[in-house]
């Protein structure tokens, strides 16, 4: 996954994924797999299918949550600290973009 920040765009981070390509390759490997490899490849296909089905917004939120978790930041308790942690991890993010991403994640964490 590649992430970009740009002041001119509506979304602060654009998600570029190659999930379908990975899924295609896993399915090809499954076709020629021996009995010992099949269970692992079948599980990998299931995971890839679930990942490919996620909306970009879900992928962005998961990415933000991962960064905040690694930093020990909690957006619900300390929004400013969470924004700071995100910007430290991804210095190319603008303050506005980082705030929008953290706020979006915090708003959806309650659901």
C-alpha atoms as a PDB file:
ATOM      1  CA  UNK A   1       0.000   0.000   0.000  1.00  0.00           C
ATOM      2  CA  UNK A   2       1.313   3.437  -0.898  1.00  0.00           C
ATOM      3  CA  UNK A   3       0.107   6.581   0.824  1.00  0.00           C
ATOM      4  CA  UNK A   4       0.328  10.125  -0.461  1.00  0.00           C
ATOM      5  CA  UNK A   5      -0.544  13.466   1.084  1.00  0.00           C
ATOM      6  CA  UNK A   6      -1.526  16.473  -0.980  1.00  0.00           C
ATOM      7  CA  UNK A   7      -3.150  19.723   0.161  1.00  0.00           C
ATOM      8  CA  UNK A   8      -5.161  20.026  -3.049  1.00  0.00           C
ATOM      9  CA  UNK A   9      -6.936  16.687  -2.787  1.00  0.00           C
ATOM     10  CA  UNK A  10     -10.184  16.084  -0.936  1.00  0.00           C
ATOM     11  CA  UNK A  11      -8.937  13.004   0.934  1.00  0.00           C
ATOM     12  CA  UNK A  12      -5.715  13.535   2.900  1.00  0.00           C
ATOM     13  CA  UNK A  13      -4.292  10.135   1.966  1.00  0.00           C
ATOM     14  CA  UNK A  14      -4.822   8.218  -1.250  1.00  0.00           C
ATOM     15  CA  UNK A  15      -4.747   4.452  -0.879  1.00  0.00           C
ATOM     16  CA  UNK A  16      -3.088   2.580  -3.742  1.00  0.00           C
ATOM     17  CA  UNK A  17      -3.499  -1.172  -3.432  1.00  0.00           C
ATOM     18  CA  UNK A  18      -2.551  -4.181  -5.472  1.00  0.00           C
ATOM     19  CA  UNK A  19      -4.801  -6.621  -3.608  1.00  0.00           C
ATOM     20  CA  UNK A  20      -6.334  -7.980  -6.797  1.00  0.00           C
ATOM     21  CA  UNK A  21      -2.900  -8.732  -8.252  1.00  0.00           C
ATOM     22  CA  UNK A  22      -1.858 -10.555  -5.088  1.00  0.00           C
ATOM     23  CA  UNK A  23      -5.130 -12.454  -5.061  1.00  0.00           C
ATOM     24  CA  UNK A  24      -4.658 -13.526  -8.684  1.00  0.00           C
ATOM     25  CA  UNK A  25      -1.158 -14.801  -7.950  1.00  0.00           C
ATOM     26  CA  UNK A  26      -2.290 -16.685  -4.859  1.00  0.00           C
ATOM     27  CA  UNK A  27      -5.059 -18.368  -6.838  1.00  0.00           C
ATOM     28  CA  UNK A  28      -2.558 -19.360  -9.531  1.00  0.00           C
ATOM     29  CA  UNK A  29      -0.259 -20.842  -6.892  1.00  0.00           C
ATOM     30  CA  UNK A  30      -3.208 -22.718  -5.388  1.00  0.00           C
ATOM     31  CA  UNK A  31      -3.985 -24.337  -8.756  1.00  0.00           C
ATOM     32  CA  UNK A  32      -0.570 -25.984  -8.893  1.00  0.00           C
ATOM     33  CA  UNK A  33      -0.093 -26.569  -5.164  1.00  0.00           C
ATOM     34  CA  UNK A  34       0.598 -29.967  -3.701  1.00  0.00           C
ATOM     35  CA  UNK A  35      -1.425 -31.385  -0.819  1.00  0.00           C
ATOM     36  CA  UNK A  36       0.955 -30.015   1.811  1.00  0.00           C
ATOM     37  CA  UNK A  37       0.742 -26.452   0.455  1.00  0.00           C
ATOM     38  CA  UNK A  38      -3.017 -26.296  -0.171  1.00  0.00           C
ATOM     39  CA  UNK A  39      -4.266 -25.497   3.357  1.00  0.00           C
ATOM     40  CA  UNK A  40      -1.886 -22.562   3.764  1.00  0.00           C
ATOM     41  CA  UNK A  41      -2.612 -21.192   0.306  1.00  0.00           C
ATOM     42  CA  UNK A  42      -6.355 -21.575   0.807  1.00  0.00           C
ATOM     43  CA  UNK A  43      -6.066 -19.569   4.024  1.00  0.00           C
ATOM     44  CA  UNK A  44      -3.958 -16.954   2.226  1.00  0.00           C
ATOM     45  CA  UNK A  45      -6.603 -16.650  -0.513  1.00  0.00           C
ATOM     46  CA  UNK A  46      -9.307 -16.153   2.143  1.00  0.00           C
ATOM     47  CA  UNK A  47      -7.276 -13.387   3.787  1.00  0.00           C
ATOM     48  CA  UNK A  48      -6.493 -11.731   0.447  1.00  0.00           C
ATOM     49  CA  UNK A  49     -10.180 -11.828  -0.551  1.00  0.00           C
ATOM     50  CA  UNK A  50     -11.205 -10.192   2.717  1.00  0.00           C
ATOM     51  CA  UNK A  51      -8.528  -7.527   2.329  1.00  0.00           C
ATOM     52  CA  UNK A  52      -9.424  -6.817  -1.302  1.00  0.00           C
ATOM     53  CA  UNK A  53     -13.064  -6.331  -0.279  1.00  0.00           C
ATOM     54  CA  UNK A  54     -12.240  -3.543   2.187  1.00  0.00           C
ATOM     55  CA  UNK A  55     -13.143   0.013   1.224  1.00  0.00           C
ATOM     56  CA  UNK A  56     -10.319   2.552   0.999  1.00  0.00           C
ATOM     57  CA  UNK A  57     -11.675   4.292   4.103  1.00  0.00           C
ATOM     58  CA  UNK A  58     -11.331   1.070   6.089  1.00  0.00           C
ATOM     59  CA  UNK A  59      -7.771   0.589   4.863  1.00  0.00           C
ATOM     60  CA  UNK A  60      -6.877   4.180   5.832  1.00  0.00           C
ATOM     61  CA  UNK A  61      -8.381   3.754   9.312  1.00  0.00           C
ATOM     62  CA  UNK A  62      -6.544   0.488   9.844  1.00  0.00           C
ATOM     63  CA  UNK A  63      -3.288   2.140   8.758  1.00  0.00           C
ATOM     64  CA  UNK A  64      -3.823   5.029  11.170  1.00  0.00           C
ATOM     65  CA  UNK A  65      -4.756   2.659  14.013  1.00  0.00           C
ATOM     66  CA  UNK A  66      -1.611   0.631  13.420  1.00  0.00           C
ATOM     67  CA  UNK A  67       0.603   3.690  13.616  1.00  0.00           C
ATOM     68  CA  UNK A  68      -1.142   5.023  16.714  1.00  0.00           C
ATOM     69  CA  UNK A  69      -1.006   1.636  18.428  1.00  0.00           C
ATOM     70  CA  UNK A  70       2.731   1.297  17.713  1.00  0.00           C
ATOM     71  CA  UNK A  71       3.260   4.783  19.161  1.00  0.00           C
ATOM     72  CA  UNK A  72       1.112   4.049  22.203  1.00  0.00           C
ATOM     73  CA  UNK A  73      -1.198   6.930  21.272  1.00  0.00           C
ATOM     74  CA  UNK A  74      -4.927   7.027  22.010  1.00  0.00           C
ATOM     75  CA  UNK A  75      -6.915   9.414  19.826  1.00  0.00           C
ATOM     76  CA  UNK A  76      -9.977   9.258  22.067  1.00  0.00           C
ATOM     77  CA  UNK A  77      -8.024  10.405  25.138  1.00  0.00           C
ATOM     78  CA  UNK A  78      -5.410  12.646  23.534  1.00  0.00           C
ATOM     79  CA  UNK A  79      -6.275  13.857  20.050  1.00  0.00           C
ATOM     80  CA  UNK A  80      -3.324  16.267  19.900  1.00  0.00           C
ATOM     81  CA  UNK A  81      -0.869  13.566  20.963  1.00  0.00           C
ATOM     82  CA  UNK A  82      -2.298  11.160  18.390  1.00  0.00           C
ATOM     83  CA  UNK A  83      -1.946  13.739  15.613  1.00  0.00           C
ATOM     84  CA  UNK A  84       1.640  14.380  16.714  1.00  0.00           C
ATOM     85  CA  UNK A  85       2.420  10.642  16.694  1.00  0.00           C
ATOM     86  CA  UNK A  86       0.971  10.241  13.212  1.00  0.00           C
ATOM     87  CA  UNK A  87       2.964  13.194  11.873  1.00  0.00           C
ATOM     88  CA  UNK A  88       6.151  11.872  13.457  1.00  0.00           C
ATOM     89  CA  UNK A  89       5.602   8.527  11.752  1.00  0.00           C
ATOM     90  CA  UNK A  90       4.711  10.156   8.414  1.00  0.00           C
ATOM     91  CA  UNK A  91       6.412  13.572   8.250  1.00  0.00           C
ATOM     92  CA  UNK A  92       4.992  14.301   4.800  1.00  0.00           C
ATOM     93  CA  UNK A  93       1.472  14.585   6.240  1.00  0.00           C
ATOM     94  CA  UNK A  94       0.235  18.107   6.771  1.00  0.00           C
ATOM     95  CA  UNK A  95      -1.210  19.029  10.141  1.00  0.00           C
ATOM     96  CA  UNK A  96      -4.675  19.203   8.576  1.00  0.00           C
ATOM     97  CA  UNK A  97      -4.321  15.795   6.916  1.00  0.00           C
ATOM     98  CA  UNK A  98      -3.071  14.153  10.109  1.00  0.00           C
ATOM     99  CA  UNK A  99      -5.887  15.741  12.112  1.00  0.00           C
ATOM    100  CA  UNK A 100      -8.518  14.538   9.600  1.00  0.00           C
ATOM    101  CA  UNK A 101      -7.139  10.997   9.619  1.00  0.00           C
ATOM    102  CA  UNK A 102      -6.970  10.768  13.415  1.00  0.00           C
ATOM    103  CA  UNK A 103     -10.394  12.370  13.851  1.00  0.00           C
ATOM    104  CA  UNK A 104     -11.928   9.994  11.290  1.00  0.00           C
ATOM    105  CA  UNK A 105     -10.427   7.013  13.091  1.00  0.00           C
ATOM    106  CA  UNK A 106     -11.602   8.276  16.493  1.00  0.00           C
ATOM    107  CA  UNK A 107     -15.125   8.877  15.177  1.00  0.00           C
ATOM    108  CA  UNK A 108     -15.374   5.349  13.801  1.00  0.00           C
ATOM    109  CA  UNK A 109     -13.782   3.672  16.827  1.00  0.00           C
ATOM    110  CA  UNK A 110     -16.951   4.395  18.771  1.00  0.00           C
ATOM    111  CA  UNK A 111     -19.036   2.210  16.416  1.00  0.00           C
END
